[in-house]
Amino acid sequence: MIGNNQIAEIHAVMGSSGGGKTTHAKSRIMKKKRRRTIVWSPKETIDNYAGWWPGSVVCTSAAEVLDVVRAAGPRGSFHIVFRPSLRRQADEAQFGAVCQIALAAKQLLFVVDELHTVTKATHSVDGWGKLVMMGRGYGIEIWGMSQRPASMDKDFLGNASTIHTRRLSYPEDAKTVARSLGVKQADVSGLSGYMWIERNNQTGQITRG
């Protein structure tokens, strides 16, 4: 479905390494059958997002992503995993281009792991900003995950339909997430093991586990 009557599907998942954020995201994402997916995966050799969907294509340039999307056509299926170089300037440029491709392709799932590696608290690349702002109208579901939420762009957190956090070790990260959740910083700082807090921004409901 295309149009502004679509419910926002923008999900933020934060937590220190080993806290269970990827497992949580996978359990939610895989509840639906997915025909068109793009995943930004800086730790692909460890995380293996390509294994989530058989037939996934691992790309290392925006040009490769564009080739796969074009070959699929407007209604065809594709599963793309982008493995960045971990050189920030180059990755930001590639990330912006991939976001633009996703927006043009429409009707897909877009997952970004370690979002803080390609955005900053005060800045996000143009393509990402457009995807977050306009993706809902083009049938795009977005998941963004990070170990360092204080270093993520505020446009994403400000537009998130759900915010989910696991334990966070750095006080500034706990402060940022607590403010977004609408809870006390001590509540976030007190999380341990696989404990979590989640806020549904469409209903205002806060749940804990």
C-alpha atoms as a PDB file:
ATOM      1  CA  MET A   1       0.000   0.000   0.000  1.00  0.00           C
ATOM      2  CA  ILE A   2       1.151   3.509  -0.853  1.00  0.00           C
ATOM      3  CA  GLY A   3      -0.054   6.744   0.759  1.00  0.00           C
ATOM      4  CA  ASN A   4       0.050   8.785   3.947  1.00  0.00           C
ATOM      5  CA  ASN A   5      -2.764   6.762   5.504  1.00  0.00           C
ATOM      6  CA  GLN A   6      -0.224   4.002   6.258  1.00  0.00           C
ATOM      7  CA  ILE A   7       0.672   3.362   9.901  1.00  0.00           C
ATOM      8  CA  ALA A   8       4.271   4.324  10.702  1.00  0.00           C
ATOM      9  CA  GLU A   9       6.575   1.320  11.040  1.00  0.00           C
ATOM     10  CA  ILE A  10       9.788   2.860  12.383  1.00  0.00           C
ATOM     11  CA  HIS A  11      11.409   0.834  15.128  1.00  0.00           C
ATOM     12  CA  ALA A  12      14.418   1.815  17.245  1.00  0.00           C
ATOM     13  CA  VAL A  13      16.250  -0.923  19.152  1.00  0.00           C
ATOM     14  CA  MET A  14      19.143  -0.018  21.424  1.00  0.00           C
ATOM     15  CA  GLY A  15      21.432  -1.882  23.776  1.00  0.00           C
ATOM     16  CA  SER A  16      25.007  -2.722  24.641  1.00  0.00           C
ATOM     17  CA  SER A  17      26.711  -5.623  22.893  1.00  0.00           C
ATOM     18  CA  GLY A  18      25.313  -8.956  24.049  1.00  0.00           C
ATOM     19  CA  GLY A  19      22.111  -7.478  25.430  1.00  0.00           C
ATOM     20  CA  GLY A  20      19.811  -9.249  22.981  1.00  0.00           C
ATOM     21  CA  LYS A  21      18.787  -6.440  20.644  1.00  0.00           C
ATOM     22  CA  THR A  22      19.445  -8.386  17.423  1.00  0.00           C
ATOM     23  CA  THR A  23      17.612 -11.434  18.749  1.00  0.00           C
ATOM     24  CA  HIS A  24      14.670  -9.214  19.687  1.00  0.00           C
ATOM     25  CA  ALA A  25      14.580  -7.514  16.286  1.00  0.00           C
ATOM     26  CA  LYS A  26      14.773 -10.845  14.465  1.00  0.00           C
ATOM     27  CA  SER A  27      11.902 -12.299  16.491  1.00  0.00           C
ATOM     28  CA  ARG A  28       9.682  -9.363  15.493  1.00  0.00           C
ATOM     29  CA  ILE A  29      10.815  -9.033  11.900  1.00  0.00           C
ATOM     30  CA  MET A  30      10.509 -12.716  11.049  1.00  0.00           C
ATOM     31  CA  LYS A  31       6.876 -12.872  12.161  1.00  0.00           C
ATOM     32  CA  LYS A  32       5.965 -11.563   8.700  1.00  0.00           C
ATOM     33  CA  LYS A  33       6.810 -12.988   5.314  1.00  0.00           C
ATOM     34  CA  ARG A  34       9.187 -10.582   3.580  1.00  0.00           C
ATOM     35  CA  ARG A  35       9.535 -10.298  -0.195  1.00  0.00           C
ATOM     36  CA  ARG A  36      11.799  -7.241  -0.407  1.00  0.00           C
ATOM     37  CA  THR A  37      14.501  -6.451   2.162  1.00  0.00           C
ATOM     38  CA  ILE A  38      17.629  -4.327   2.451  1.00  0.00           C
ATOM     39  CA  VAL A  39      19.887  -4.744   5.487  1.00  0.00           C
ATOM     40  CA  TRP A  40      22.871  -2.538   6.363  1.00  0.00           C
ATOM     41  CA  SER A  41      25.185  -4.885   8.266  1.00  0.00           C
ATOM     42  CA  PRO A  42      28.604  -3.630   9.475  1.00  0.00           C
ATOM     43  CA  LYS A  43      29.286  -6.901  11.342  1.00  0.00           C
ATOM     44  CA  GLU A  44      27.932  -9.247   8.662  1.00  0.00           C
ATOM     45  CA  THR A  45      30.679 -11.844   9.149  1.00  0.00           C
ATOM     46  CA  ILE A  46      29.377 -12.262  12.715  1.00  0.00           C
ATOM     47  CA  ASP A  47      25.671 -11.402  12.433  1.00  0.00           C
ATOM     48  CA  ASN A  48      24.921 -13.246   9.153  1.00  0.00           C
ATOM     49  CA  TYR A  49      21.782 -11.358   8.156  1.00  0.00           C
ATOM     50  CA  ALA A  50      22.139 -13.049   4.776  1.00  0.00           C
ATOM     51  CA  GLY A  51      21.079 -16.237   6.510  1.00  0.00           C
ATOM     52  CA  TRP A  52      17.741 -14.752   7.540  1.00  0.00           C
ATOM     53  CA  TRP A  53      16.384 -14.987   3.998  1.00  0.00           C
ATOM     54  CA  PRO A  54      17.573 -17.696   1.568  1.00  0.00           C
ATOM     55  CA  GLY A  55      18.942 -16.254  -1.640  1.00  0.00           C
ATOM     56  CA  SER A  56      20.171 -13.023  -0.054  1.00  0.00           C
ATOM     57  CA  VAL A  57      22.753 -11.089  -2.076  1.00  0.00           C
ATOM     58  CA  VAL A  58      25.639  -9.457  -0.199  1.00  0.00           C
ATOM     59  CA  CYS A  59      26.647  -6.114  -1.743  1.00  0.00           C
ATOM     60  CA  THR A  60      29.533  -3.765  -1.026  1.00  0.00           C
ATOM     61  CA  SER A  61      28.528  -0.808  -3.204  1.00  0.00           C
ATOM     62  CA  ALA A  62      25.357   1.157  -3.889  1.00  0.00           C
ATOM     63  CA  ALA A  63      25.785   0.356  -7.588  1.00  0.00           C
ATOM     64  CA  GLU A  64      25.451  -3.361  -6.811  1.00  0.00           C
ATOM     65  CA  VAL A  65      22.309  -2.683  -4.774  1.00  0.00           C
ATOM     66  CA  LEU A  66      20.816  -0.705  -7.629  1.00  0.00           C
ATOM     67  CA  ASP A  67      21.523  -3.539 -10.077  1.00  0.00           C
ATOM     68  CA  VAL A  68      19.690  -6.062  -7.870  1.00  0.00           C
ATOM     69  CA  VAL A  69      16.696  -3.771  -7.336  1.00  0.00           C
ATOM     70  CA  ARG A  70      16.435  -2.938 -11.025  1.00  0.00           C
ATOM     71  CA  ALA A  71      16.627  -6.598 -11.994  1.00  0.00           C
ATOM     72  CA  ALA A  72      13.743  -7.394  -9.609  1.00  0.00           C
ATOM     73  CA  GLY A  73      11.538  -4.651 -11.035  1.00  0.00           C
ATOM     74  CA  PRO A  74       8.755  -2.829  -9.176  1.00  0.00           C
ATOM     75  CA  ARG A  75       7.022  -6.023  -8.021  1.00  0.00           C
ATOM     76  CA  GLY A  76       9.834  -8.554  -7.859  1.00  0.00           C
ATOM     77  CA  SER A  77      11.372  -9.918  -4.678  1.00  0.00           C
ATOM     78  CA  PHE A  78      14.923  -9.334  -3.461  1.00  0.00           C
ATOM     79  CA  HIS A  79      16.937  -9.732  -0.278  1.00  0.00           C
ATOM     80  CA  ILE A  80      20.008  -7.519  -0.072  1.00  0.00           C
ATOM     81  CA  VAL A  81      22.620  -7.301   2.670  1.00  0.00           C
ATOM     82  CA  PHE A  82      25.029  -4.369   2.413  1.00  0.00           C
ATOM     83  CA  ARG A  83      28.431  -4.908   4.043  1.00  0.00           C
ATOM     84  CA  PRO A  84      30.111  -1.500   4.496  1.00  0.00           C
ATOM     85  CA  SER A  85      33.837  -0.806   4.503  1.00  0.00           C
ATOM     86  CA  LEU A  86      33.873   0.630   8.069  1.00  0.00           C
ATOM     87  CA  ARG A  87      35.516   3.776   6.716  1.00  0.00           C
ATOM     88  CA  ARG A  88      33.107   6.436   7.944  1.00  0.00           C
ATOM     89  CA  GLN A  89      33.254   8.993   5.144  1.00  0.00           C
ATOM     90  CA  ALA A  90      32.911   6.371   2.420  1.00  0.00           C
ATOM     91  CA  ASP A  91      30.198   4.512   4.314  1.00  0.00           C
ATOM     92  CA  GLU A  92      28.104   7.636   4.854  1.00  0.00           C
ATOM     93  CA  ALA A  93      28.095   8.304   1.110  1.00  0.00           C
ATOM     94  CA  GLN A  94      27.163   4.686   0.329  1.00  0.00           C
ATOM     95  CA  PHE A  95      24.504   4.690   3.048  1.00  0.00           C
ATOM     96  CA  GLY A  96      22.865   7.808   1.653  1.00  0.00           C
ATOM     97  CA  ALA A  97      22.765   6.277  -1.807  1.00  0.00           C
ATOM     98  CA  VAL A  98      21.317   2.980  -0.569  1.00  0.00           C
ATOM     99  CA  CYS A  99      18.610   4.879   1.325  1.00  0.00           C
ATOM    100  CA  GLN A 100      17.699   6.753  -1.855  1.00  0.00           C
ATOM    101  CA  ILE A 101      17.464   3.450  -3.745  1.00  0.00           C
ATOM    102  CA  ALA A 102      15.206   2.017  -1.039  1.00  0.00           C
ATOM    103  CA  LEU A 103      12.909   5.041  -1.164  1.00  0.00           C
ATOM    104  CA  ALA A 104      12.609   4.774  -4.939  1.00  0.00           C
ATOM    105  CA  ALA A 105      12.000   1.002  -4.787  1.00  0.00           C
ATOM    106  CA  LYS A 106       9.117   1.319  -2.277  1.00  0.00           C
ATOM    107  CA  GLN A 107       7.323  -1.513  -0.451  1.00  0.00           C
ATOM    108  CA  LEU A 108      10.215  -3.038   1.492  1.00  0.00           C
ATOM    109  CA  LEU A 109      11.833  -3.671   4.848  1.00  0.00           C
ATOM    110  CA  PHE A 110      14.934  -1.573   5.585  1.00  0.00           C
ATOM    111  CA  VAL A 111      17.146  -2.624   8.502  1.00  0.00           C
ATOM    112  CA  VAL A 112      20.180  -0.675   9.733  1.00  0.00           C
ATOM    113  CA  ASP A 113      22.477  -2.271  12.281  1.00  0.00           C
ATOM    114  CA  GLU A 114      24.874  -0.041  14.241  1.00  0.00           C
ATOM    115  CA  LEU A 115      23.138   3.106  13.009  1.00  0.00           C
ATOM    116  CA  HIS A 116      25.569   5.296  14.955  1.00  0.00           C
ATOM    117  CA  THR A 117      28.338   4.345  12.483  1.00  0.00           C
ATOM    118  CA  VAL A 118      26.655   6.300   9.667  1.00  0.00           C
ATOM    119  CA  THR A 119      24.729   9.034  11.531  1.00  0.00           C
ATOM    120  CA  LYS A 120      25.534  11.500  14.278  1.00  0.00           C
ATOM    121  CA  ALA A 121      23.421  13.056  17.025  1.00  0.00           C
ATOM    122  CA  THR A 122      23.333  16.340  15.121  1.00  0.00           C
ATOM    123  CA  HIS A 123      23.460  15.058  11.552  1.00  0.00           C
ATOM    124  CA  SER A 124      22.181  12.375   9.203  1.00  0.00           C
ATOM    125  CA  VAL A 125      22.866  11.921   5.510  1.00  0.00           C
ATOM    126  CA  ASP A 126      20.172  13.228   3.165  1.00  0.00           C
ATOM    127  CA  GLY A 127      19.010   9.836   1.938  1.00  0.00           C
ATOM    128  CA  TRP A 128      18.411   8.562   5.474  1.00  0.00           C
ATOM    129  CA  GLY A 129      16.561  11.702   6.486  1.00  0.00           C
ATOM    130  CA  LYS A 130      14.255  11.371   3.481  1.00  0.00           C
ATOM    131  CA  LEU A 131      13.669   7.660   4.136  1.00  0.00           C
ATOM    132  CA  VAL A 132      12.684   8.292   7.763  1.00  0.00           C
ATOM    133  CA  MET A 133      10.491  11.267   6.875  1.00  0.00           C
ATOM    134  CA  MET A 134       8.798   9.834   3.771  1.00  0.00           C
ATOM    135  CA  GLY A 135       9.144   6.049   3.981  1.00  0.00           C
ATOM    136  CA  ARG A 136       5.768   5.501   5.632  1.00  0.00           C
ATOM    137  CA  GLY A 137       4.008   6.856   2.571  1.00  0.00           C
ATOM    138  CA  TYR A 138       5.871   4.426   0.321  1.00  0.00           C
ATOM    139  CA  GLY A 139       5.201   1.283   2.323  1.00  0.00           C
ATOM    140  CA  ILE A 140       8.676   1.108   3.863  1.00  0.00           C
ATOM    141  CA  GLU A 141       9.199  -0.443   7.305  1.00  0.00           C
ATOM    142  CA  ILE A 142      12.380   0.712   9.053  1.00  0.00           C
ATOM    143  CA  TRP A 143      14.367  -0.893  11.868  1.00  0.00           C
ATOM    144  CA  GLY A 144      17.398   0.897  13.304  1.00  0.00           C
ATOM    145  CA  MET A 145      19.674  -0.682  15.906  1.00  0.00           C
ATOM    146  CA  SER A 146      22.603   0.702  17.838  1.00  0.00           C
ATOM    147  CA  GLN A 147      24.935   0.120  20.776  1.00  0.00           C
ATOM    148  CA  ARG A 148      25.399   3.896  21.109  1.00  0.00           C
ATOM    149  CA  PRO A 149      22.035   5.716  20.926  1.00  0.00           C
ATOM    150  CA  ALA A 150      23.524   9.031  22.058  1.00  0.00           C
ATOM    151  CA  SER A 151      25.445   9.054  18.763  1.00  0.00           C
ATOM    152  CA  MET A 152      22.375   8.306  16.606  1.00  0.00           C
ATOM    153  CA  ASP A 153      20.532  11.043  14.752  1.00  0.00           C
ATOM    154  CA  LYS A 154      17.616  12.581  16.626  1.00  0.00           C
ATOM    155  CA  ASP A 155      15.380  12.641  13.533  1.00  0.00           C
ATOM    156  CA  PHE A 156      15.190   8.859  13.673  1.00  0.00           C
ATOM    157  CA  LEU A 157      14.434   8.658  17.388  1.00  0.00           C
ATOM    158  CA  GLY A 158      11.950  11.509  17.075  1.00  0.00           C
ATOM    159  CA  ASN A 159      10.002   9.654  14.368  1.00  0.00           C
ATOM    160  CA  ALA A 160      10.180   6.160  15.858  1.00  0.00           C
ATOM    161  CA  SER A 161       6.845   4.407  16.317  1.00  0.00           C
ATOM    162  CA  THR A 162       8.402   2.049  18.869  1.00  0.00           C
ATOM    163  CA  ILE A 163      11.498   2.498  21.021  1.00  0.00           C
ATOM    164  CA  HIS A 164      13.007  -0.584  22.632  1.00  0.00           C
ATOM    165  CA  THR A 165      16.066  -0.627  24.861  1.00  0.00           C
ATOM    166  CA  ARG A 166      18.176  -3.245  26.544  1.00  0.00           C
ATOM    167  CA  ARG A 167      20.937  -2.527  29.061  1.00  0.00           C
ATOM    168  CA  LEU A 168      23.229   0.402  28.265  1.00  0.00           C
ATOM    169  CA  SER A 169      26.632   0.863  29.866  1.00  0.00           C
ATOM    170  CA  TYR A 170      27.321   4.520  29.050  1.00  0.00           C
ATOM    171  CA  PRO A 171      25.375   7.130  31.107  1.00  0.00           C
ATOM    172  CA  GLU A 172      24.879   9.480  28.148  1.00  0.00           C
ATOM    173  CA  ASP A 173      23.246   6.648  26.176  1.00  0.00           C
ATOM    174  CA  ALA A 174      20.927   5.860  29.102  1.00  0.00           C
ATOM    175  CA  LYS A 175      20.010   9.546  29.363  1.00  0.00           C
ATOM    176  CA  THR A 176      19.177   9.824  25.656  1.00  0.00           C
ATOM    177  CA  VAL A 177      17.025   6.697  25.650  1.00  0.00           C
ATOM    178  CA  ALA A 178      15.243   7.524  28.915  1.00  0.00           C
ATOM    179  CA  ARG A 179      14.214  10.881  27.484  1.00  0.00           C
ATOM    180  CA  SER A 180      12.840   9.198  24.362  1.00  0.00           C
ATOM    181  CA  LEU A 181      10.999   6.552  26.374  1.00  0.00           C
ATOM    182  CA  GLY A 182       9.582   9.051  28.843  1.00  0.00           C
ATOM    183  CA  VAL A 183      11.001   7.198  31.859  1.00  0.00           C
ATOM    184  CA  LYS A 184      13.588   8.025  34.518  1.00  0.00           C
ATOM    185  CA  GLN A 185      17.234   7.620  33.562  1.00  0.00           C
ATOM    186  CA  ALA A 186      17.641   5.323  36.581  1.00  0.00           C
ATOM    187  CA  ASP A 187      15.100   2.945  35.041  1.00  0.00           C
ATOM    188  CA  VAL A 188      17.278   2.528  31.953  1.00  0.00           C
ATOM    189  CA  SER A 189      20.565   2.494  33.865  1.00  0.00           C
ATOM    190  CA  GLY A 190      19.143  -0.238  36.089  1.00  0.00           C
ATOM    191  CA  LEU A 191      18.567  -2.685  33.248  1.00  0.00           C
ATOM    192  CA  SER A 192      20.764  -5.781  33.374  1.00  0.00           C
ATOM    193  CA  GLY A 193      21.048  -9.121  31.628  1.00  0.00           C
ATOM    194  CA  TYR A 194      18.277  -9.347  29.034  1.00  0.00           C
ATOM    195  CA  MET A 195      15.885  -6.910  30.728  1.00  0.00           C
ATOM    196  CA  TRP A 196      14.179  -4.360  28.491  1.00  0.00           C
ATOM    197  CA  ILE A 197      11.828  -1.375  28.317  1.00  0.00           C
ATOM    198  CA  GLU A 198       9.705  -0.528  25.269  1.00  0.00           C
ATOM    199  CA  ARG A 199       7.453   2.387  24.405  1.00  0.00           C
ATOM    200  CA  ASN A 200       4.782   2.318  21.707  1.00  0.00           C
ATOM    201  CA  ASN A 201       4.643   5.940  20.595  1.00  0.00           C
ATOM    202  CA  GLN A 202       1.348   5.425  18.796  1.00  0.00           C
ATOM    203  CA  THR A 203      -0.428   4.439  22.010  1.00  0.00           C
ATOM    204  CA  GLY A 204       1.930   5.791  24.674  1.00  0.00           C
ATOM    205  CA  GLN A 205       2.063   2.371  26.305  1.00  0.00           C
ATOM    206  CA  ILE A 206       5.282   1.427  28.100  1.00  0.00           C
ATOM    207  CA  THR A 207       6.040  -2.245  28.692  1.00  0.00           C
ATOM    208  CA  ARG A 208       8.900  -3.934  30.497  1.00  0.00           C
ATOM    209  CA  GLY A 209      10.409  -7.362  30.554  1.00  0.00           C
END
